[in-house]
């Protein structure tokens, strides 16, 4: 799965959780906090994105994520590992 597909998935989840955010506001360099997400919103974005992508990733994997690009990278890397048959 491409990084662009993962980004689109995350973007759709963000718009679902934060209905006041427009699609064009969601860019790779923004953080969820920049978009007005509180800690519960941020956790929902992570867990719903994993569900949409069919992933189970330890939440600690996201500890150093500071923006949407970091979130997309963690999701895409783990998706690639799962699709290659590696277990995590």
PDB file of N, CA and C in Angstrom:
ATOM      1  N   UNK A   1       0.853  -1.179   0.000  1.00  0.00           N
ATOM      2  CA  UNK A   1       0.000   0.000   0.000  1.00  0.00           C
ATOM      3  C   UNK A   1       0.893   1.235   0.000  1.00  0.00           C
ATOM      4  N   UNK A   2       0.520   2.182  -0.815  1.00  0.00           N
ATOM      5  CA  UNK A   2       1.351   3.374  -0.951  1.00  0.00           C
ATOM      6  C   UNK A   2       1.168   4.334   0.224  1.00  0.00           C
ATOM      7  N   UNK A   3       2.182   5.141   0.422  1.00  0.00           N
ATOM      8  CA  UNK A   3       2.129   6.166   1.460  1.00  0.00           C
ATOM      9  C   UNK A   3       0.963   7.123   1.186  1.00  0.00           C
ATOM     10  N   UNK A   4       0.691   7.386  -0.089  1.00  0.00           N
ATOM     11  CA  UNK A   4      -0.412   8.284  -0.456  1.00  0.00           C
ATOM     12  C   UNK A   4      -1.760   7.697  -0.027  1.00  0.00           C
ATOM     13  N   UNK A   5      -1.912   6.376  -0.194  1.00  0.00           N
ATOM     14  CA  UNK A   5      -3.163   5.725   0.220  1.00  0.00           C
ATOM     15  C   UNK A   5      -3.331   5.806   1.736  1.00  0.00           C
ATOM     16  N   UNK A   6      -2.244   5.563   2.461  1.00  0.00           N
ATOM     17  CA  UNK A   6      -2.285   5.654   3.924  1.00  0.00           C
ATOM     18  C   UNK A   6      -2.639   7.087   4.336  1.00  0.00           C
ATOM     19  N   UNK A   7      -2.039   8.079   3.670  1.00  0.00           N
ATOM     20  CA  UNK A   7      -2.340   9.477   3.974  1.00  0.00           C
ATOM     21  C   UNK A   7      -3.817   9.785   3.734  1.00  0.00           C
ATOM     22  N   UNK A   8      -4.372   9.299   2.636  1.00  0.00           N
ATOM     23  CA  UNK A   8      -5.794   9.526   2.348  1.00  0.00           C
ATOM     24  C   UNK A   8      -6.669   8.886   3.415  1.00  0.00           C
ATOM     25  N   UNK A   9      -6.288   7.711   3.884  1.00  0.00           N
ATOM     26  CA  UNK A   9      -7.027   7.043   4.950  1.00  0.00           C
ATOM     27  C   UNK A   9      -6.992   7.874   6.222  1.00  0.00           C
ATOM     28  N   UNK A  10      -5.799   8.334   6.599  1.00  0.00           N
ATOM     29  CA  UNK A  10      -5.652   9.167   7.803  1.00  0.00           C
ATOM     30  C   UNK A  10      -6.455  10.460   7.635  1.00  0.00           C
ATOM     31  N   UNK A  11      -6.381  11.069   6.470  1.00  0.00           N
ATOM     32  CA  UNK A  11      -7.108  12.318   6.215  1.00  0.00           C
ATOM     33  C   UNK A  11      -8.613  12.115   6.401  1.00  0.00           C
ATOM     34  N   UNK A  12      -9.150  11.025   5.868  1.00  0.00           N
ATOM     35  CA  UNK A  12     -10.576  10.738   6.015  1.00  0.00           C
ATOM     36  C   UNK A  12     -10.960  10.532   7.474  1.00  0.00           C
ATOM     37  N   UNK A  13     -10.105   9.847   8.220  1.00  0.00           N
ATOM     38  CA  UNK A  13     -10.368   9.624   9.646  1.00  0.00           C
ATOM     39  C   UNK A  13     -10.336  10.955  10.395  1.00  0.00           C
ATOM     40  N   UNK A  14      -9.359  11.808  10.095  1.00  0.00           N
ATOM     41  CA  UNK A  14      -9.266  13.119  10.755  1.00  0.00           C
ATOM     42  C   UNK A  14     -10.537  13.921  10.495  1.00  0.00           C
ATOM     43  N   UNK A  15     -11.014  13.921   9.256  1.00  0.00           N
ATOM     44  CA  UNK A  15     -12.220  14.691   8.931  1.00  0.00           C
ATOM     45  C   UNK A  15     -13.458  14.119   9.629  1.00  0.00           C
ATOM     46  N   UNK A  16     -13.458  12.818   9.871  1.00  0.00           N
ATOM     47  CA  UNK A  16     -14.574  12.193  10.587  1.00  0.00           C
ATOM     48  C   UNK A  16     -14.560  12.591  12.067  1.00  0.00           C
ATOM     49  N   UNK A  17     -13.378  12.597  12.660  1.00  0.00           N
ATOM     50  CA  UNK A  17     -13.254  12.900  14.085  1.00  0.00           C
ATOM     51  C   UNK A  17     -13.303  14.404  14.347  1.00  0.00           C
ATOM     52  N   UNK A  18     -12.754  15.185  13.432  1.00  0.00           N
ATOM     53  CA  UNK A  18     -12.731  16.647  13.571  1.00  0.00           C
ATOM     54  C   UNK A  18     -13.540  17.256  12.424  1.00  0.00           C
ATOM     55  N   UNK A  19     -14.871  17.281  12.553  1.00  0.00           N
ATOM     56  CA  UNK A  19     -15.719  17.710  11.430  1.00  0.00           C
ATOM     57  C   UNK A  19     -15.514  19.165  10.994  1.00  0.00           C
ATOM     58  N   UNK A  20     -14.913  19.997  11.815  1.00  0.00           N
ATOM     59  CA  UNK A  20     -14.672  21.395  11.443  1.00  0.00           C
ATOM     60  C   UNK A  20     -13.431  21.569  10.572  1.00  0.00           C
ATOM     61  N   UNK A  21     -12.644  20.504  10.412  1.00  0.00           N
ATOM     62  CA  UNK A  21     -11.406  20.574   9.639  1.00  0.00           C
ATOM     63  C   UNK A  21     -11.715  20.256   8.174  1.00  0.00           C
ATOM     64  N   UNK A  22     -11.242  21.117   7.285  1.00  0.00           N
ATOM     65  CA  UNK A  22     -11.415  20.913   5.841  1.00  0.00           C
ATOM     66  C   UNK A  22     -10.263  20.059   5.302  1.00  0.00           C
ATOM     67  N   UNK A  23     -10.534  19.330   4.234  1.00  0.00           N
ATOM     68  CA  UNK A  23      -9.529  18.425   3.650  1.00  0.00           C
ATOM     69  C   UNK A  23      -8.233  19.148   3.304  1.00  0.00           C
ATOM     70  N   UNK A  24      -8.340  20.369   2.769  1.00  0.00           N
ATOM     71  CA  UNK A  24      -7.129  21.085   2.353  1.00  0.00           C
ATOM     72  C   UNK A  24      -6.279  21.558   3.537  1.00  0.00           C
ATOM     73  N   UNK A  25      -6.840  21.541   4.745  1.00  0.00           N
ATOM     74  CA  UNK A  25      -6.070  21.914   5.931  1.00  0.00           C
ATOM     75  C   UNK A  25      -5.148  20.784   6.384  1.00  0.00           C
ATOM     76  N   UNK A  26      -5.442  19.573   5.964  1.00  0.00           N
ATOM     77  CA  UNK A  26      -4.711  18.393   6.425  1.00  0.00           C
ATOM     78  C   UNK A  26      -3.536  18.140   5.486  1.00  0.00           C
ATOM     79  N   UNK A  27      -2.350  18.468   5.964  1.00  0.00           N
ATOM     80  CA  UNK A  27      -1.136  18.261   5.188  1.00  0.00           C
ATOM     81  C   UNK A  27      -0.149  17.450   6.017  1.00  0.00           C
ATOM     82  N   UNK A  28       0.834  16.885   5.351  1.00  0.00           N
ATOM     83  CA  UNK A  28       1.807  16.015   6.019  1.00  0.00           C
ATOM     84  C   UNK A  28       2.579  16.727   7.121  1.00  0.00           C
ATOM     85  N   UNK A  29       2.823  18.028   6.957  1.00  0.00           N
ATOM     86  CA  UNK A  29       3.643  18.735   7.940  1.00  0.00           C
ATOM     87  C   UNK A  29       2.862  19.211   9.158  1.00  0.00           C
ATOM     88  N   UNK A  30       1.539  19.133   9.118  1.00  0.00           N
ATOM     89  CA  UNK A  30       0.718  19.555  10.262  1.00  0.00           C
ATOM     90  C   UNK A  30       0.685  18.457  11.312  1.00  0.00           C
ATOM     91  N   UNK A  31       0.522  18.880  12.559  1.00  0.00           N
ATOM     92  CA  UNK A  31       0.284  17.908  13.624  1.00  0.00           C
ATOM     93  C   UNK A  31      -1.212  17.855  13.878  1.00  0.00           C
ATOM     94  N   UNK A  32      -1.659  16.796  14.509  1.00  0.00           N
ATOM     95  CA  UNK A  32      -3.076  16.710  14.853  1.00  0.00           C
ATOM     96  C   UNK A  32      -3.452  17.817  15.830  1.00  0.00           C
ATOM     97  N   UNK A  33      -2.516  18.187  16.675  1.00  0.00           N
ATOM     98  CA  UNK A  33      -2.749  19.281  17.615  1.00  0.00           C
ATOM     99  C   UNK A  33      -2.973  20.591  16.849  1.00  0.00           C
ATOM    100  N   UNK A  34      -2.199  20.818  15.762  1.00  0.00           N
ATOM    101  CA  UNK A  34      -2.386  22.011  14.923  1.00  0.00           C
ATOM    102  C   UNK A  34      -3.808  22.092  14.384  1.00  0.00           C
ATOM    103  N   UNK A  35      -4.407  20.941  14.149  1.00  0.00           N
ATOM    104  CA  UNK A  35      -5.756  20.883  13.591  1.00  0.00           C
ATOM    105  C   UNK A  35      -6.839  20.963  14.666  1.00  0.00           C
ATOM    106  N   UNK A  36      -6.424  21.086  15.924  1.00  0.00           N
ATOM    107  CA  UNK A  36      -7.379  21.245  17.025  1.00  0.00           C
ATOM    108  C   UNK A  36      -7.736  19.964  17.749  1.00  0.00           C
ATOM    109  N   UNK A  37      -6.996  18.901  17.507  1.00  0.00           N
ATOM    110  CA  UNK A  37      -7.289  17.619  18.146  1.00  0.00           C
ATOM    111  C   UNK A  37      -6.741  17.588  19.572  1.00  0.00           C
ATOM    112  N   UNK A  38      -7.593  17.188  20.518  1.00  0.00           N
ATOM    113  CA  UNK A  38      -7.113  16.985  21.882  1.00  0.00           C
ATOM    114  C   UNK A  38      -6.539  15.570  21.988  1.00  0.00           C
ATOM    115  N   UNK A  39      -6.102  15.185  23.162  1.00  0.00           N
ATOM    116  CA  UNK A  39      -5.432  13.887  23.306  1.00  0.00           C
ATOM    117  C   UNK A  39      -6.363  12.721  22.970  1.00  0.00           C
ATOM    118  N   UNK A  40      -7.630  12.825  23.311  1.00  0.00           N
ATOM    119  CA  UNK A  40      -8.577  11.757  22.991  1.00  0.00           C
ATOM    120  C   UNK A  40      -8.793  11.685  21.483  1.00  0.00           C
ATOM    121  N   UNK A  41      -8.937  12.849  20.845  1.00  0.00           N
ATOM    122  CA  UNK A  41      -9.086  12.887  19.386  1.00  0.00           C
ATOM    123  C   UNK A  41      -7.883  12.249  18.701  1.00  0.00           C
ATOM    124  N   UNK A  42      -6.696  12.568  19.171  1.00  0.00           N
ATOM    125  CA  UNK A  42      -5.474  12.034  18.563  1.00  0.00           C
ATOM    126  C   UNK A  42      -5.427  10.512  18.684  1.00  0.00           C
ATOM    127  N   UNK A  43      -5.820   9.995  19.842  1.00  0.00           N
ATOM    128  CA  UNK A  43      -5.842   8.550  20.047  1.00  0.00           C
ATOM    129  C   UNK A  43      -6.868   7.904  19.117  1.00  0.00           C
ATOM    130  N   UNK A  44      -8.015   8.556  18.946  1.00  0.00           N
ATOM    131  CA  UNK A  44      -9.037   8.020  18.042  1.00  0.00           C
ATOM    132  C   UNK A  44      -8.538   7.993  16.603  1.00  0.00           C
ATOM    133  N   UNK A  45      -7.814   9.034  16.189  1.00  0.00           N
ATOM    134  CA  UNK A  45      -7.270   9.059  14.826  1.00  0.00           C
ATOM    135  C   UNK A  45      -6.332   7.876  14.630  1.00  0.00           C
ATOM    136  N   UNK A  46      -5.472   7.636  15.593  1.00  0.00           N
ATOM    137  CA  UNK A  46      -4.511   6.528  15.491  1.00  0.00           C
ATOM    138  C   UNK A  46      -5.248   5.193  15.441  1.00  0.00           C
ATOM    139  N   UNK A  47      -6.151   4.955  16.382  1.00  0.00           N
ATOM    140  CA  UNK A  47      -6.809   3.648  16.449  1.00  0.00           C
ATOM    141  C   UNK A  47      -7.744   3.425  15.261  1.00  0.00           C
ATOM    142  N   UNK A  48      -8.476   4.451  14.850  1.00  0.00           N
ATOM    143  CA  UNK A  48      -9.363   4.290  13.694  1.00  0.00           C
ATOM    144  C   UNK A  48      -8.576   4.102  12.401  1.00  0.00           C
ATOM    145  N   UNK A  49      -7.445   4.781  12.276  1.00  0.00           N
ATOM    146  CA  UNK A  49      -6.613   4.602  11.086  1.00  0.00           C
ATOM    147  C   UNK A  49      -6.088   3.168  11.027  1.00  0.00           C
ATOM    148  N   UNK A  50      -5.666   2.639  12.172  1.00  0.00           N
ATOM    149  CA  UNK A  50      -5.197   1.255  12.202  1.00  0.00           C
ATOM    150  C   UNK A  50      -6.326   0.305  11.816  1.00  0.00           C
ATOM    151  N   UNK A  51      -7.542   0.552  12.333  1.00  0.00           N
ATOM    152  CA  UNK A  51      -8.683  -0.298  11.998  1.00  0.00           C
ATOM    153  C   UNK A  51      -8.980  -0.250  10.503  1.00  0.00           C
ATOM    154  N   UNK A  52      -8.991   0.948   9.932  1.00  0.00           N
ATOM    155  CA  UNK A  52      -9.277   1.108   8.505  1.00  0.00           C
ATOM    156  C   UNK A  52      -8.267   0.353   7.643  1.00  0.00           C
ATOM    157  N   UNK A  53      -7.025   0.319   8.104  1.00  0.00           N
ATOM    158  CA  UNK A  53      -5.953  -0.330   7.347  1.00  0.00           C
ATOM    159  C   UNK A  53      -5.759  -1.795   7.727  1.00  0.00           C
ATOM    160  N   UNK A  54      -6.526  -2.259   8.716  1.00  0.00           N
ATOM    161  CA  UNK A  54      -6.416  -3.646   9.151  1.00  0.00           C
ATOM    162  C   UNK A  54      -5.119  -3.955   9.871  1.00  0.00           C
ATOM    163  N   UNK A  55      -4.632  -2.994  10.655  1.00  0.00           N
ATOM    164  CA  UNK A  55      -3.359  -3.149  11.358  1.00  0.00           C
ATOM    165  C   UNK A  55      -3.552  -3.211  12.868  1.00  0.00           C
ATOM    166  N   UNK A  56      -2.631  -3.906  13.520  1.00  0.00           N
ATOM    167  CA  UNK A  56      -2.536  -3.897  14.981  1.00  0.00           C
ATOM    168  C   UNK A  56      -1.094  -3.545  15.303  1.00  0.00           C
ATOM    169  N   UNK A  57      -0.902  -2.333  15.782  1.00  0.00           N
ATOM    170  CA  UNK A  57       0.440  -1.827  16.064  1.00  0.00           C
ATOM    171  C   UNK A  57       0.468  -1.386  17.521  1.00  0.00           C
ATOM    172  N   UNK A  58       1.511  -1.743  18.272  1.00  0.00           N
ATOM    173  CA  UNK A  58       1.603  -1.254  19.653  1.00  0.00           C
ATOM    174  C   UNK A  58       1.585   0.274  19.675  1.00  0.00           C
ATOM    175  N   UNK A  59       0.784   0.842  20.557  1.00  0.00           N
ATOM    176  CA  UNK A  59       0.650   2.295  20.609  1.00  0.00           C
ATOM    177  C   UNK A  59       1.971   2.994  20.899  1.00  0.00           C
ATOM    178  N   UNK A  60       2.895   2.305  21.544  1.00  0.00           N
ATOM    179  CA  UNK A  60       4.206   2.909  21.818  1.00  0.00           C
ATOM    180  C   UNK A  60       4.958   3.206  20.517  1.00  0.00           C
ATOM    181  N   UNK A  61       4.587   2.549  19.433  1.00  0.00           N
ATOM    182  CA  UNK A  61       5.222   2.806  18.137  1.00  0.00           C
ATOM    183  C   UNK A  61       4.994   4.239  17.669  1.00  0.00           C
ATOM    184  N   UNK A  62       3.964   4.888  18.235  1.00  0.00           N
ATOM    185  CA  UNK A  62       3.606   6.247  17.829  1.00  0.00           C
ATOM    186  C   UNK A  62       4.136   7.309  18.794  1.00  0.00           C
ATOM    187  N   UNK A  63       4.918   6.888  19.782  1.00  0.00           N
ATOM    188  CA  UNK A  63       5.372   7.805  20.837  1.00  0.00           C
ATOM    189  C   UNK A  63       6.157   8.994  20.307  1.00  0.00           C
ATOM    190  N   UNK A  64       6.967   8.809  19.283  1.00  0.00           N
ATOM    191  CA  UNK A  64       7.810   9.893  18.777  1.00  0.00           C
ATOM    192  C   UNK A  64       7.237  10.593  17.548  1.00  0.00           C
ATOM    193  N   UNK A  65       5.981  10.307  17.226  1.00  0.00           N
ATOM    194  CA  UNK A  65       5.331  10.928  16.070  1.00  0.00           C
ATOM    195  C   UNK A  65       4.961  12.359  16.420  1.00  0.00           C
ATOM    196  N   UNK A  66       5.383  13.310  15.569  1.00  0.00           N
ATOM    197  CA  UNK A  66       5.102  14.720  15.868  1.00  0.00           C
ATOM    198  C   UNK A  66       4.192  15.379  14.835  1.00  0.00           C
ATOM    199  N   UNK A  67       3.975  14.708  13.695  1.00  0.00           N
ATOM    200  CA  UNK A  67       3.091  15.286  12.688  1.00  0.00           C
ATOM    201  C   UNK A  67       2.403  14.168  11.905  1.00  0.00           C
ATOM    202  N   UNK A  68       1.551  14.554  10.976  1.00  0.00           N
ATOM    203  CA  UNK A  68       0.793  13.567  10.219  1.00  0.00           C
ATOM    204  C   UNK A  68       1.719  12.693   9.382  1.00  0.00           C
ATOM    205  N   UNK A  69       2.787  13.273   8.861  1.00  0.00           N
ATOM    206  CA  UNK A  69       3.723  12.469   8.080  1.00  0.00           C
ATOM    207  C   UNK A  69       4.323  11.348   8.924  1.00  0.00           C
ATOM    208  N   UNK A  70       4.651  11.634  10.178  1.00  0.00           N
ATOM    209  CA  UNK A  70       5.181  10.604  11.070  1.00  0.00           C
ATOM    210  C   UNK A  70       4.173   9.496  11.306  1.00  0.00           C
ATOM    211  N   UNK A  71       2.916   9.874  11.480  1.00  0.00           N
ATOM    212  CA  UNK A  71       1.848   8.893  11.663  1.00  0.00           C
ATOM    213  C   UNK A  71       1.707   8.024  10.416  1.00  0.00           C
ATOM    214  N   UNK A  72       1.686   8.660   9.264  1.00  0.00           N
ATOM    215  CA  UNK A  72       1.579   7.933   7.992  1.00  0.00           C
ATOM    216  C   UNK A  72       2.772   6.986   7.817  1.00  0.00           C
ATOM    217  N   UNK A  73       3.973   7.452   8.151  1.00  0.00           N
ATOM    218  CA  UNK A  73       5.172   6.613   8.017  1.00  0.00           C
ATOM    219  C   UNK A  73       5.073   5.356   8.877  1.00  0.00           C
ATOM    220  N   UNK A  74       4.666   5.510  10.137  1.00  0.00           N
ATOM    221  CA  UNK A  74       4.554   4.347  11.026  1.00  0.00           C
ATOM    222  C   UNK A  74       3.518   3.367  10.482  1.00  0.00           C
ATOM    223  N   UNK A  75       2.375   3.885  10.058  1.00  0.00           N
ATOM    224  CA  UNK A  75       1.330   3.018   9.513  1.00  0.00           C
ATOM    225  C   UNK A  75       1.798   2.327   8.236  1.00  0.00           C
ATOM    226  N   UNK A  76       2.414   3.060   7.329  1.00  0.00           N
ATOM    227  CA  UNK A  76       2.861   2.493   6.051  1.00  0.00           C
ATOM    228  C   UNK A  76       3.957   1.445   6.263  1.00  0.00           C
ATOM    229  N   UNK A  77       4.901   1.725   7.155  1.00  0.00           N
ATOM    230  CA  UNK A  77       5.974   0.766   7.429  1.00  0.00           C
ATOM    231  C   UNK A  77       5.413  -0.532   7.994  1.00  0.00           C
ATOM    232  N   UNK A  78       4.469  -0.407   8.910  1.00  0.00           N
ATOM    233  CA  UNK A  78       3.886  -1.602   9.509  1.00  0.00           C
ATOM    234  C   UNK A  78       3.011  -2.348   8.517  1.00  0.00           C
ATOM    235  N   UNK A  79       2.322  -1.635   7.650  1.00  0.00           N
ATOM    236  CA  UNK A  79       1.520  -2.283   6.622  1.00  0.00           C
ATOM    237  C   UNK A  79       2.422  -3.084   5.684  1.00  0.00           C
ATOM    238  N   UNK A  80       3.544  -2.491   5.308  1.00  0.00           N
ATOM    239  CA  UNK A  80       4.495  -3.156   4.433  1.00  0.00           C
ATOM    240  C   UNK A  80       5.026  -4.424   5.099  1.00  0.00           C
ATOM    241  N   UNK A  81       5.340  -4.342   6.389  1.00  0.00           N
ATOM    242  CA  UNK A  81       5.863  -5.495   7.114  1.00  0.00           C
ATOM    243  C   UNK A  81       4.826  -6.610   7.189  1.00  0.00           C
ATOM    244  N   UNK A  82       3.571  -6.255   7.427  1.00  0.00           N
ATOM    245  CA  UNK A  82       2.510  -7.247   7.522  1.00  0.00           C
ATOM    246  C   UNK A  82       2.258  -7.883   6.159  1.00  0.00           C
ATOM    247  N   UNK A  83       2.246  -7.071   5.108  1.00  0.00           N
ATOM    248  CA  UNK A  83       1.959  -7.604   3.781  1.00  0.00           C
ATOM    249  C   UNK A  83       3.092  -8.476   3.254  1.00  0.00           C
ATOM    250  N   UNK A  84       4.288  -8.320   3.794  1.00  0.00           N
ATOM    251  CA  UNK A  84       5.426  -9.161   3.404  1.00  0.00           C
ATOM    252  C   UNK A  84       5.433 -10.476   4.175  1.00  0.00           C
ATOM    253  N   UNK A  85       4.485 -10.606   5.118  1.00  0.00           N
ATOM    254  CA  UNK A  85       4.401 -11.842   5.871  1.00  0.00           C
ATOM    255  C   UNK A  85       5.194 -11.833   7.163  1.00  0.00           C
ATOM    256  N   UNK A  86       5.788 -10.693   7.499  1.00  0.00           N
ATOM    257  CA  UNK A  86       6.520 -10.596   8.762  1.00  0.00           C
ATOM    258  C   UNK A  86       5.530 -10.419   9.885  1.00  0.00           C
ATOM    259  N   UNK A  87       5.834 -10.991  11.037  1.00  0.00           N
ATOM    260  CA  UNK A  87       4.974 -10.781  12.203  1.00  0.00           C
ATOM    261  C   UNK A  87       5.641  -9.785  13.122  1.00  0.00           C
ATOM    262  N   UNK A  88       4.811  -9.002  13.746  1.00  0.00           N
ATOM    263  CA  UNK A  88       5.340  -7.967  14.624  1.00  0.00           C
ATOM    264  C   UNK A  88       4.898  -8.225  16.034  1.00  0.00           C
TER     265      UNK A  88
END
